[in-house]
Amino acid sequence: YAEELKKGEITRNTLIGASGLERSFERLLQGVGPTTVSYFVDGKGN
């Protein structure tokens, strides 16, 4: 997925299809990014 990586559509740590339909349809199932809830932590993880 070098082309998608270069365009910034995915990162090296993006979850991708590893087997089954998830893999064969990977390029068609890729979305526009996950929905997340996050918060920031300090160096100790607090």
ModelCIF file with pLDDT and N, C-alpha, C, O atoms, coordinates in Angstrom:
data_MODEL
#
_entry.id   MODEL 
#
_entity.id                         1 
_entity.type                       polymer 
_entity.pdbx_number_of_molecules   1 
#
_entity_poly.entity_id                      1 
_entity_poly.type                           'polypeptide(L)' 
_entity_poly.nstd_linkage                   no 
_entity_poly.nstd_monomer                   no 
_entity_poly.pdbx_seq_one_letter_code       YAEELKKGEITRNTLIGASGLERSFERLLQGVGPTTVSYFVDGKGN 
_entity_poly.pdbx_seq_one_letter_code_can   YAEELKKGEITRNTLIGASGLERSFERLLQGVGPTTVSYFVDGKGN 
_entity_poly.pdbx_strand_id                 A 
#
loop_
_entity_poly_seq.entity_id 
_entity_poly_seq.num 
_entity_poly_seq.mon_id 
_entity_poly_seq.hetero 
1 1  TYR n 
1 2  ALA n 
1 3  GLU n 
1 4  GLU n 
1 5  LEU n 
1 6  LYS n 
1 7  LYS n 
1 8  GLY n 
1 9  GLU n 
1 10 ILE n 
1 11 THR n 
1 12 ARG n 
1 13 ASN n 
1 14 THR n 
1 15 LEU n 
1 16 ILE n 
1 17 GLY n 
1 18 ALA n 
1 19 SER n 
1 20 GLY n 
1 21 LEU n 
1 22 GLU n 
1 23 ARG n 
1 24 SER n 
1 25 PHE n 
1 26 GLU n 
1 27 ARG n 
1 28 LEU n 
1 29 LEU n 
1 30 GLN n 
1 31 GLY n 
1 32 VAL n 
1 33 GLY n 
1 34 PRO n 
1 35 THR n 
1 36 THR n 
1 37 VAL n 
1 38 SER n 
1 39 TYR n 
1 40 PHE n 
1 41 VAL n 
1 42 ASP n 
1 43 GLY n 
1 44 LYS n 
1 45 GLY n 
1 46 ASN n 
#
_struct_asym.id          A 
_struct_asym.entity_id   1 
#
loop_
_ma_qa_metric.id 
_ma_qa_metric.mode 
_ma_qa_metric.name 
_ma_qa_metric.software_group_id 
_ma_qa_metric.type 
1 global pLDDT . pLDDT 
2 local  pLDDT . pLDDT 
#
_ma_qa_metric_global.metric_id      1 
_ma_qa_metric_global.metric_value   75.15 
_ma_qa_metric_global.model_id       1 
_ma_qa_metric_global.ordinal_id     1 
#
loop_
_ma_qa_metric_local.label_asym_id 
_ma_qa_metric_local.label_comp_id 
_ma_qa_metric_local.label_seq_id 
_ma_qa_metric_local.metric_id 
_ma_qa_metric_local.metric_value 
_ma_qa_metric_local.model_id 
_ma_qa_metric_local.ordinal_id 
A TYR 1  2 66.00 1 1  
A ALA 2  2 67.00 1 2  
A GLU 3  2 67.00 1 3  
A GLU 4  2 65.00 1 4  
A LEU 5  2 65.00 1 5  
A LYS 6  2 68.00 1 6  
A LYS 7  2 62.00 1 7  
A GLY 8  2 64.00 1 8  
A GLU 9  2 62.00 1 9  
A ILE 10 2 63.00 1 10 
A THR 11 2 66.00 1 11 
A ARG 12 2 67.00 1 12 
A ASN 13 2 68.00 1 13 
A THR 14 2 73.00 1 14 
A LEU 15 2 78.00 1 15 
A ILE 16 2 82.00 1 16 
A GLY 17 2 84.00 1 17 
A ALA 18 2 88.00 1 18 
A SER 19 2 92.00 1 19 
A GLY 20 2 95.00 1 20 
A LEU 21 2 97.00 1 21 
A GLU 22 2 95.00 1 22 
A ARG 23 2 94.00 1 23 
A SER 24 2 95.00 1 24 
A PHE 25 2 95.00 1 25 
A GLU 26 2 92.00 1 26 
A ARG 27 2 90.00 1 27 
A LEU 28 2 93.00 1 28 
A LEU 29 2 92.00 1 29 
A GLN 30 2 86.00 1 30 
A GLY 31 2 80.00 1 31 
A VAL 32 2 79.00 1 32 
A GLY 33 2 80.00 1 33 
A PRO 34 2 83.00 1 34 
A THR 35 2 84.00 1 35 
A THR 36 2 82.00 1 36 
A VAL 37 2 81.00 1 37 
A SER 38 2 74.00 1 38 
A TYR 39 2 67.00 1 39 
A PHE 40 2 63.00 1 40 
A VAL 41 2 55.00 1 41 
A ASP 42 2 57.00 1 42 
A GLY 43 2 52.00 1 43 
A LYS 44 2 50.00 1 44 
A GLY 45 2 47.00 1 45 
A ASN 46 2 52.00 1 46 
#
loop_
_atom_site.group_PDB 
_atom_site.id 
_atom_site.type_symbol 
_atom_site.label_atom_id 
_atom_site.label_alt_id 
_atom_site.label_comp_id 
_atom_site.label_asym_id 
_atom_site.label_entity_id 
_atom_site.label_seq_id 
_atom_site.pdbx_PDB_ins_code 
_atom_site.Cartn_x 
_atom_site.Cartn_y 
_atom_site.Cartn_z 
_atom_site.occupancy 
_atom_site.B_iso_or_equiv 
_atom_site.pdbx_formal_charge 
_atom_site.auth_seq_id 
_atom_site.auth_comp_id 
_atom_site.auth_asym_id 
_atom_site.auth_atom_id 
_atom_site.pdbx_PDB_model_num 
ATOM 1   N N  . TYR A 1 1  ? 0.833   -1.201  0.000  1.00 66.00 ? 1  TYR A N  1 
ATOM 2   C CA . TYR A 1 1  ? 0.000   0.000   0.000  1.00 66.00 ? 1  TYR A CA 1 
ATOM 3   C C  . TYR A 1 1  ? 0.872   1.258   0.000  1.00 66.00 ? 1  TYR A C  1 
ATOM 4   O O  . TYR A 1 1  ? 0.567   2.242   0.673  1.00 66.00 ? 1  TYR A O  1 
ATOM 5   N N  . ALA A 1 2  ? 1.954   1.206   -0.762 1.00 67.00 ? 2  ALA A N  1 
ATOM 6   C CA . ALA A 1 2  ? 2.908   2.319   -0.808 1.00 67.00 ? 2  ALA A CA 1 
ATOM 7   C C  . ALA A 1 2  ? 2.254   3.609   -1.304 1.00 67.00 ? 2  ALA A C  1 
ATOM 8   O O  . ALA A 1 2  ? 2.553   4.687   -0.793 1.00 67.00 ? 2  ALA A O  1 
ATOM 9   N N  . GLU A 1 3  ? 1.376   3.510   -2.283 1.00 67.00 ? 3  GLU A N  1 
ATOM 10  C CA . GLU A 1 3  ? 0.738   4.702   -2.848 1.00 67.00 ? 3  GLU A CA 1 
ATOM 11  C C  . GLU A 1 3  ? -0.153  5.382   -1.819 1.00 67.00 ? 3  GLU A C  1 
ATOM 12  O O  . GLU A 1 3  ? -0.107  6.603   -1.665 1.00 67.00 ? 3  GLU A O  1 
ATOM 13  N N  . GLU A 1 4  ? -0.976  4.588   -1.102 1.00 65.00 ? 4  GLU A N  1 
ATOM 14  C CA . GLU A 1 4  ? -1.854  5.144   -0.072 1.00 65.00 ? 4  GLU A CA 1 
ATOM 15  C C  . GLU A 1 4  ? -1.025  5.739   1.066  1.00 65.00 ? 4  GLU A C  1 
ATOM 16  O O  . GLU A 1 4  ? -1.391  6.759   1.650  1.00 65.00 ? 4  GLU A O  1 
ATOM 17  N N  . LEU A 1 5  ? 0.109   5.079   1.374  1.00 65.00 ? 5  LEU A N  1 
ATOM 18  C CA . LEU A 1 5  ? 0.989   5.548   2.441  1.00 65.00 ? 5  LEU A CA 1 
ATOM 19  C C  . LEU A 1 5  ? 1.596   6.900   2.072  1.00 65.00 ? 5  LEU A C  1 
ATOM 20  O O  . LEU A 1 5  ? 1.671   7.800   2.908  1.00 65.00 ? 5  LEU A O  1 
ATOM 21  N N  . LYS A 1 6  ? 2.020   7.035   0.839  1.00 68.00 ? 6  LYS A N  1 
ATOM 22  C CA . LYS A 1 6  ? 2.636   8.274   0.369  1.00 68.00 ? 6  LYS A CA 1 
ATOM 23  C C  . LYS A 1 6  ? 1.640   9.430   0.384  1.00 68.00 ? 6  LYS A C  1 
ATOM 24  O O  . LYS A 1 6  ? 2.008   10.568  0.677  1.00 68.00 ? 6  LYS A O  1 
ATOM 25  N N  . LYS A 1 7  ? 0.375   9.133   0.068  1.00 62.00 ? 7  LYS A N  1 
ATOM 26  C CA . LYS A 1 7  ? -0.662  10.174  0.051  1.00 62.00 ? 7  LYS A CA 1 
ATOM 27  C C  . LYS A 1 7  ? -1.148  10.529  1.453  1.00 62.00 ? 7  LYS A C  1 
ATOM 28  O O  . LYS A 1 7  ? -1.900  11.488  1.629  1.00 62.00 ? 7  LYS A O  1 
ATOM 29  N N  . GLY A 1 8  ? -0.717  9.751   2.451  1.00 64.00 ? 8  GLY A N  1 
ATOM 30  C CA . GLY A 1 8  ? -1.150  10.014  3.815  1.00 64.00 ? 8  GLY A CA 1 
ATOM 31  C C  . GLY A 1 8  ? -2.522  9.459   4.133  1.00 64.00 ? 8  GLY A C  1 
ATOM 32  O O  . GLY A 1 8  ? -3.107  9.790   5.165  1.00 64.00 ? 8  GLY A O  1 
ATOM 33  N N  . GLU A 1 9  ? -3.048  8.602   3.237  1.00 62.00 ? 9  GLU A N  1 
ATOM 34  C CA . GLU A 1 9  ? -4.371  8.021   3.472  1.00 62.00 ? 9  GLU A CA 1 
ATOM 35  C C  . GLU A 1 9  ? -4.328  6.996   4.597  1.00 62.00 ? 9  GLU A C  1 
ATOM 36  O O  . GLU A 1 9  ? -5.327  6.787   5.286  1.00 62.00 ? 9  GLU A O  1 
ATOM 37  N N  . ILE A 1 10 ? -3.166  6.351   4.787  1.00 63.00 ? 10 ILE A N  1 
ATOM 38  C CA . ILE A 1 10 ? -2.966  5.408   5.871  1.00 63.00 ? 10 ILE A CA 1 
ATOM 39  C C  . ILE A 1 10 ? -1.589  5.630   6.468  1.00 63.00 ? 10 ILE A C  1 
ATOM 40  O O  . ILE A 1 10 ? -0.757  6.329   5.889  1.00 63.00 ? 10 ILE A O  1 
ATOM 41  N N  . THR A 1 11 ? -1.350  5.031   7.630  1.00 66.00 ? 11 THR A N  1 
ATOM 42  C CA . THR A 1 11 ? -0.017  5.054   8.232  1.00 66.00 ? 11 THR A CA 1 
ATOM 43  C C  . THR A 1 11 ? 0.500   3.626   8.284  1.00 66.00 ? 11 THR A C  1 
ATOM 44  O O  . THR A 1 11 ? -0.230  2.683   7.979  1.00 66.00 ? 11 THR A O  1 
ATOM 45  N N  . ARG A 1 12 ? 1.758   3.470   8.669  1.00 67.00 ? 12 ARG A N  1 
ATOM 46  C CA . ARG A 1 12 ? 2.339   2.123   8.742  1.00 67.00 ? 12 ARG A CA 1 
ATOM 47  C C  . ARG A 1 12 ? 1.655   1.282   9.816  1.00 67.00 ? 12 ARG A C  1 
ATOM 48  O O  . ARG A 1 12 ? 1.726   0.053   9.778  1.00 67.00 ? 12 ARG A O  1 
ATOM 49  N N  . ASN A 1 13 ? 0.993   1.934   10.777 1.00 68.00 ? 13 ASN A N  1 
ATOM 50  C CA . ASN A 1 13 ? 0.325   1.203   11.860 1.00 68.00 ? 13 ASN A CA 1 
ATOM 51  C C  . ASN A 1 13 ? -1.175  1.095   11.666 1.00 68.00 ? 13 ASN A C  1 
ATOM 52  O O  . ASN A 1 13 ? -1.890  0.674   12.574 1.00 68.00 ? 13 ASN A O  1 
ATOM 53  N N  . THR A 1 14 ? -1.659  1.473   10.486 1.00 73.00 ? 14 THR A N  1 
ATOM 54  C CA . THR A 1 14 ? -3.082  1.327   10.199 1.00 73.00 ? 14 THR A CA 1 
ATOM 55  C C  . THR A 1 14 ? -3.474  -0.154  10.203 1.00 73.00 ? 14 THR A C  1 
ATOM 56  O O  . THR A 1 14 ? -2.750  -1.000  9.679  1.00 73.00 ? 14 THR A O  1 
ATOM 57  N N  . LEU A 1 15 ? -4.624  -0.450  10.799 1.00 78.00 ? 15 LEU A N  1 
ATOM 58  C CA . LEU A 1 15 ? -5.129  -1.819  10.788 1.00 78.00 ? 15 LEU A CA 1 
ATOM 59  C C  . LEU A 1 15 ? -5.569  -2.165  9.371  1.00 78.00 ? 15 LEU A C  1 
ATOM 60  O O  . LEU A 1 15 ? -6.369  -1.447  8.771  1.00 78.00 ? 15 LEU A O  1 
ATOM 61  N N  . ILE A 1 16 ? -5.047  -3.257  8.843  1.00 82.00 ? 16 ILE A N  1 
ATOM 62  C CA . ILE A 1 16 ? -5.404  -3.681  7.485  1.00 82.00 ? 16 ILE A CA 1 
ATOM 63  C C  . ILE A 1 16 ? -5.844  -5.139  7.492  1.00 82.00 ? 16 ILE A C  1 
ATOM 64  O O  . ILE A 1 16 ? -5.576  -5.875  8.442  1.00 82.00 ? 16 ILE A O  1 
ATOM 65  N N  . GLY A 1 17 ? -6.516  -5.546  6.429  1.00 84.00 ? 17 GLY A N  1 
ATOM 66  C CA . GLY A 1 17 ? -6.993  -6.918  6.321  1.00 84.00 ? 17 GLY A CA 1 
ATOM 67  C C  . GLY A 1 17 ? -5.855  -7.914  6.256  1.00 84.00 ? 17 GLY A C  1 
ATOM 68  O O  . GLY A 1 17 ? -4.945  -7.780  5.438  1.00 84.00 ? 17 GLY A O  1 
ATOM 69  N N  . ALA A 1 18 ? -5.910  -8.919  7.129  1.00 88.00 ? 18 ALA A N  1 
ATOM 70  C CA . ALA A 1 18 ? -4.855  -9.932  7.180  1.00 88.00 ? 18 ALA A CA 1 
ATOM 71  C C  . ALA A 1 18 ? -5.303  -11.251 6.571  1.00 88.00 ? 18 ALA A C  1 
ATOM 72  O O  . ALA A 1 18 ? -4.463  -12.059 6.176  1.00 88.00 ? 18 ALA A O  1 
ATOM 73  N N  . SER A 1 19 ? -6.606  -11.486 6.487  1.00 92.00 ? 19 SER A N  1 
ATOM 74  C CA . SER A 1 19 ? -7.112  -12.724 5.889  1.00 92.00 ? 19 SER A CA 1 
ATOM 75  C C  . SER A 1 19 ? -8.571  -12.531 5.507  1.00 92.00 ? 19 SER A C  1 
ATOM 76  O O  . SER A 1 19 ? -9.197  -11.536 5.872  1.00 92.00 ? 19 SER A O  1 
ATOM 77  N N  . GLY A 1 20 ? -9.104  -13.504 4.763  1.00 95.00 ? 20 GLY A N  1 
ATOM 78  C CA . GLY A 1 20 ? -10.524 -13.510 4.420  1.00 95.00 ? 20 GLY A CA 1 
ATOM 79  C C  . GLY A 1 20 ? -10.961 -12.317 3.588  1.00 95.00 ? 20 GLY A C  1 
ATOM 80  O O  . GLY A 1 20 ? -10.169 -11.717 2.861  1.00 95.00 ? 20 GLY A O  1 
ATOM 81  N N  . LEU A 1 21 ? -12.255 -11.985 3.713  1.00 97.00 ? 21 LEU A N  1 
ATOM 82  C CA . LEU A 1 21 ? -12.797 -10.850 2.971  1.00 97.00 ? 21 LEU A CA 1 
ATOM 83  C C  . LEU A 1 21 ? -12.142 -9.548  3.396  1.00 97.00 ? 21 LEU A C  1 
ATOM 84  O O  . LEU A 1 21 ? -12.032 -8.616  2.600  1.00 97.00 ? 21 LEU A O  1 
ATOM 85  N N  . GLU A 1 22 ? -11.704 -9.479  4.651  1.00 95.00 ? 22 GLU A N  1 
ATOM 86  C CA . GLU A 1 22 ? -11.021 -8.283  5.122  1.00 95.00 ? 22 GLU A CA 1 
ATOM 87  C C  . GLU A 1 22 ? -9.774  -8.010  4.280  1.00 95.00 ? 22 GLU A C  1 
ATOM 88  O O  . GLU A 1 22 ? -9.425  -6.857  4.030  1.00 95.00 ? 22 GLU A O  1 
ATOM 89  N N  . ARG A 1 23 ? -9.116  -9.071  3.851  1.00 94.00 ? 23 ARG A N  1 
ATOM 90  C CA . ARG A 1 23 ? -7.894  -8.909  3.052  1.00 94.00 ? 23 ARG A CA 1 
ATOM 91  C C  . ARG A 1 23 ? -8.204  -8.724  1.570  1.00 94.00 ? 23 ARG A C  1 
ATOM 92  O O  . ARG A 1 23 ? -7.662  -7.820  0.933  1.00 94.00 ? 23 ARG A O  1 
ATOM 93  N N  . SER A 1 24 ? -9.065  -9.567  1.022  1.00 95.00 ? 24 SER A N  1 
ATOM 94  C CA . SER A 1 24 ? -9.325  -9.481  -0.417 1.00 95.00 ? 24 SER A CA 1 
ATOM 95  C C  . SER A 1 24 ? -10.023 -8.169  -0.794 1.00 95.00 ? 24 SER A C  1 
ATOM 96  O O  . SER A 1 24 ? -9.829  -7.664  -1.900 1.00 95.00 ? 24 SER A O  1 
ATOM 97  N N  . PHE A 1 25 ? -10.831 -7.614  0.114  1.00 95.00 ? 25 PHE A N  1 
ATOM 98  C CA . PHE A 1 25 ? -11.538 -6.361  -0.171 1.00 95.00 ? 25 PHE A CA 1 
ATOM 99  C C  . PHE A 1 25 ? -10.917 -5.167  0.565  1.00 95.00 ? 25 PHE A C  1 
ATOM 100 O O  . PHE A 1 25 ? -11.567 -4.136  0.735  1.00 95.00 ? 25 PHE A O  1 
ATOM 101 N N  . GLU A 1 26 ? -9.647  -5.311  1.005  1.00 92.00 ? 26 GLU A N  1 
ATOM 102 C CA . GLU A 1 26 ? -8.998  -4.284  1.824  1.00 92.00 ? 26 GLU A CA 1 
ATOM 103 C C  . GLU A 1 26 ? -9.133  -2.884  1.240  1.00 92.00 ? 26 GLU A C  1 
ATOM 104 O O  . GLU A 1 26 ? -9.546  -1.960  1.941  1.00 92.00 ? 26 GLU A O  1 
ATOM 105 N N  . ARG A 1 27 ? -8.793  -2.720  -0.020 1.00 90.00 ? 27 ARG A N  1 
ATOM 106 C CA . ARG A 1 27 ? -8.796  -1.378  -0.610 1.00 90.00 ? 27 ARG A CA 1 
ATOM 107 C C  . ARG A 1 27 ? -10.194 -0.794  -0.701 1.00 90.00 ? 27 ARG A C  1 
ATOM 108 O O  . ARG A 1 27 ? -10.347 0.425   -0.774 1.00 90.00 ? 27 ARG A O  1 
ATOM 109 N N  . LEU A 1 28 ? -11.219 -1.641  -0.700 1.00 93.00 ? 28 LEU A N  1 
ATOM 110 C CA . LEU A 1 28 ? -12.588 -1.160  -0.785 1.00 93.00 ? 28 LEU A CA 1 
ATOM 111 C C  . LEU A 1 28 ? -13.222 -0.959  0.588  1.00 93.00 ? 28 LEU A C  1 
ATOM 112 O O  . LEU A 1 28 ? -14.164 -0.180  0.733  1.00 93.00 ? 28 LEU A O  1 
ATOM 113 N N  . LEU A 1 29 ? -12.706 -1.660  1.593  1.00 92.00 ? 29 LEU A N  1 
ATOM 114 C CA . LEU A 1 29 ? -13.247 -1.524  2.946  1.00 92.00 ? 29 LEU A CA 1 
ATOM 115 C C  . LEU A 1 29 ? -12.589 -0.407  3.729  1.00 92.00 ? 29 LEU A C  1 
ATOM 116 O O  . LEU A 1 29 ? -13.134 0.048   4.735  1.00 92.00 ? 29 LEU A O  1 
ATOM 117 N N  . GLN A 1 30 ? -11.403 0.051   3.276  1.00 86.00 ? 30 GLN A N  1 
ATOM 118 C CA . GLN A 1 30 ? -10.723 1.138   3.968  1.00 86.00 ? 30 GLN A CA 1 
ATOM 119 C C  . GLN A 1 30 ? -11.650 2.339   4.087  1.00 86.00 ? 30 GLN A C  1 
ATOM 120 O O  . GLN A 1 30 ? -12.257 2.767   3.105  1.00 86.00 ? 30 GLN A O  1 
ATOM 121 N N  . GLY A 1 31 ? -11.755 2.877   5.297  1.00 80.00 ? 31 GLY A N  1 
ATOM 122 C CA . GLY A 1 31 ? -12.614 4.034   5.509  1.00 80.00 ? 31 GLY A CA 1 
ATOM 123 C C  . GLY A 1 31 ? -11.827 5.326   5.448  1.00 80.00 ? 31 GLY A C  1 
ATOM 124 O O  . GLY A 1 31 ? -10.760 5.395   4.839  1.00 80.00 ? 31 GLY A O  1 
ATOM 125 N N  . VAL A 1 32 ? -12.365 6.341   6.084  1.00 79.00 ? 32 VAL A N  1 
ATOM 126 C CA . VAL A 1 32 ? -11.702 7.642   6.112  1.00 79.00 ? 32 VAL A CA 1 
ATOM 127 C C  . VAL A 1 32 ? -11.068 7.895   7.480  1.00 79.00 ? 32 VAL A C  1 
ATOM 128 O O  . VAL A 1 32 ? -10.667 9.019   7.779  1.00 79.00 ? 32 VAL A O  1 
ATOM 129 N N  . GLY A 1 33 ? -10.979 6.873   8.294  1.00 80.00 ? 33 GLY A N  1 
ATOM 130 C CA . GLY A 1 33 ? -10.346 6.994   9.605  1.00 80.00 ? 33 GLY A CA 1 
ATOM 131 C C  . GLY A 1 33 ? -11.270 6.523   10.701 1.00 80.00 ? 33 GLY A C  1 
ATOM 132 O O  . GLY A 1 33 ? -12.490 6.575   10.543 1.00 80.00 ? 33 GLY A O  1 
ATOM 133 N N  . PRO A 1 34 ? -10.711 6.060   11.822 1.00 83.00 ? 34 PRO A N  1 
ATOM 134 C CA . PRO A 1 34 ? -11.535 5.552   12.919 1.00 83.00 ? 34 PRO A CA 1 
ATOM 135 C C  . PRO A 1 34 ? -12.173 6.668   13.735 1.00 83.00 ? 34 PRO A C  1 
ATOM 136 O O  . PRO A 1 34 ? -11.724 7.814   13.707 1.00 83.00 ? 34 PRO A O  1 
ATOM 137 N N  . THR A 1 35 ? -13.224 6.312   14.460 1.00 84.00 ? 35 THR A N  1 
ATOM 138 C CA . THR A 1 35 ? -13.836 7.214   15.440 1.00 84.00 ? 35 THR A CA 1 
ATOM 139 C C  . THR A 1 35 ? -13.284 6.832   16.802 1.00 84.00 ? 35 THR A C  1 
ATOM 140 O O  . THR A 1 35 ? -13.449 5.695   17.244 1.00 84.00 ? 35 THR A O  1 
ATOM 141 N N  . THR A 1 36 ? -12.630 7.777   17.472 1.00 82.00 ? 36 THR A N  1 
ATOM 142 C CA . THR A 1 36 ? -11.977 7.468   18.740 1.00 82.00 ? 36 THR A CA 1 
ATOM 143 C C  . THR A 1 36 ? -12.296 8.523   19.793 1.00 82.00 ? 36 THR A C  1 
ATOM 144 O O  . THR A 1 36 ? -12.642 9.662   19.478 1.00 82.00 ? 36 THR A O  1 
ATOM 145 N N  . VAL A 1 37 ? -12.171 8.113   21.042 1.00 81.00 ? 37 VAL A N  1 
ATOM 146 C CA . VAL A 1 37 ? -12.187 9.035   22.175 1.00 81.00 ? 37 VAL A CA 1 
ATOM 147 C C  . VAL A 1 37 ? -10.858 8.841   22.883 1.00 81.00 ? 37 VAL A C  1 
ATOM 148 O O  . VAL A 1 37 ? -10.511 7.725   23.268 1.00 81.00 ? 37 VAL A O  1 
ATOM 149 N N  . SER A 1 38 ? -10.104 9.937   23.056 1.00 74.00 ? 38 SER A N  1 
ATOM 150 C CA . SER A 1 38 ? -8.775  9.800   23.649 1.00 74.00 ? 38 SER A CA 1 
ATOM 151 C C  . SER A 1 38 ? -8.495  10.936  24.614 1.00 74.00 ? 38 SER A C  1 
ATOM 152 O O  . SER A 1 38 ? -9.179  11.959  24.612 1.00 74.00 ? 38 SER A O  1 
ATOM 153 N N  . TYR A 1 39 ? -7.475  10.737  25.440 1.00 67.00 ? 39 TYR A N  1 
ATOM 154 C CA . TYR A 1 39 ? -7.002  11.777  26.344 1.00 67.00 ? 39 TYR A CA 1 
ATOM 155 C C  . TYR A 1 39 ? -5.483  11.697  26.377 1.00 67.00 ? 39 TYR A C  1 
ATOM 156 O O  . TYR A 1 39 ? -4.897  10.682  25.998 1.00 67.00 ? 39 TYR A O  1 
ATOM 157 N N  . PHE A 1 40 ? -4.847  12.777  26.833 1.00 63.00 ? 40 PHE A N  1 
ATOM 158 C CA . PHE A 1 40 ? -3.388  12.849  26.806 1.00 63.00 ? 40 PHE A CA 1 
ATOM 159 C C  . PHE A 1 40 ? -2.803  12.481  28.163 1.00 63.00 ? 40 PHE A C  1 
ATOM 160 O O  . PHE A 1 40 ? -3.399  12.726  29.212 1.00 63.00 ? 40 PHE A O  1 
ATOM 161 N N  . VAL A 1 41 ? -1.615  11.885  28.106 1.00 55.00 ? 41 VAL A N  1 
ATOM 162 C CA . VAL A 1 41 ? -0.959  11.424  29.326 1.00 55.00 ? 41 VAL A CA 1 
ATOM 163 C C  . VAL A 1 41 ? 0.447   12.006  29.403 1.00 55.00 ? 41 VAL A C  1 
ATOM 164 O O  . VAL A 1 41 ? 0.997   12.476  28.408 1.00 55.00 ? 41 VAL A O  1 
ATOM 165 N N  . ASP A 1 42 ? 1.026   11.964  30.625 1.00 57.00 ? 42 ASP A N  1 
ATOM 166 C CA . ASP A 1 42 ? 2.391   12.423  30.797 1.00 57.00 ? 42 ASP A CA 1 
ATOM 167 C C  . ASP A 1 42 ? 3.365   11.282  30.524 1.00 57.00 ? 42 ASP A C  1 
ATOM 168 O O  . ASP A 1 42 ? 2.951   10.205  30.093 1.00 57.00 ? 42 ASP A O  1 
ATOM 169 N N  . GLY A 1 43 ? 4.637   11.504  30.767 1.00 52.00 ? 43 GLY A N  1 
ATOM 170 C CA . GLY A 1 43 ? 5.664   10.513  30.465 1.00 52.00 ? 43 GLY A CA 1 
ATOM 171 C C  . GLY A 1 43 ? 5.505   9.225   31.229 1.00 52.00 ? 43 GLY A C  1 
ATOM 172 O O  . GLY A 1 43 ? 5.987   8.181   30.788 1.00 52.00 ? 43 GLY A O  1 
ATOM 173 N N  . LYS A 1 44 ? 4.830   9.274   32.380 1.00 50.00 ? 44 LYS A N  1 
ATOM 174 C CA . LYS A 1 44 ? 4.627   8.078   33.184 1.00 50.00 ? 44 LYS A CA 1 
ATOM 175 C C  . LYS A 1 44 ? 3.308   7.389   32.876 1.00 50.00 ? 44 LYS A C  1 
ATOM 176 O O  . LYS A 1 44 ? 2.961   6.377   33.486 1.00 50.00 ? 44 LYS A O  1 
ATOM 177 N N  . GLY A 1 45 ? 2.580   7.951   31.924 1.00 47.00 ? 45 GLY A N  1 
ATOM 178 C CA . GLY A 1 45 ? 1.310   7.345   31.551 1.00 47.00 ? 45 GLY A CA 1 
ATOM 179 C C  . GLY A 1 45 ? 0.142   7.828   32.366 1.00 47.00 ? 45 GLY A C  1 
ATOM 180 O O  . GLY A 1 45 ? -0.968  7.318   32.212 1.00 47.00 ? 45 GLY A O  1 
ATOM 181 N N  . ASN A 1 46 ? 0.363   8.820   33.250 1.00 52.00 ? 46 ASN A N  1 
ATOM 182 C CA . ASN A 1 46 ? -0.727  9.360   34.059 1.00 52.00 ? 46 ASN A CA 1 
ATOM 183 C C  . ASN A 1 46 ? -1.495  10.393  33.258 1.00 52.00 ? 46 ASN A C  1 
ATOM 184 O O  . ASN A 1 46 ? -2.459  10.972  33.761 1.00 52.00 ? 46 ASN A O  1 
#
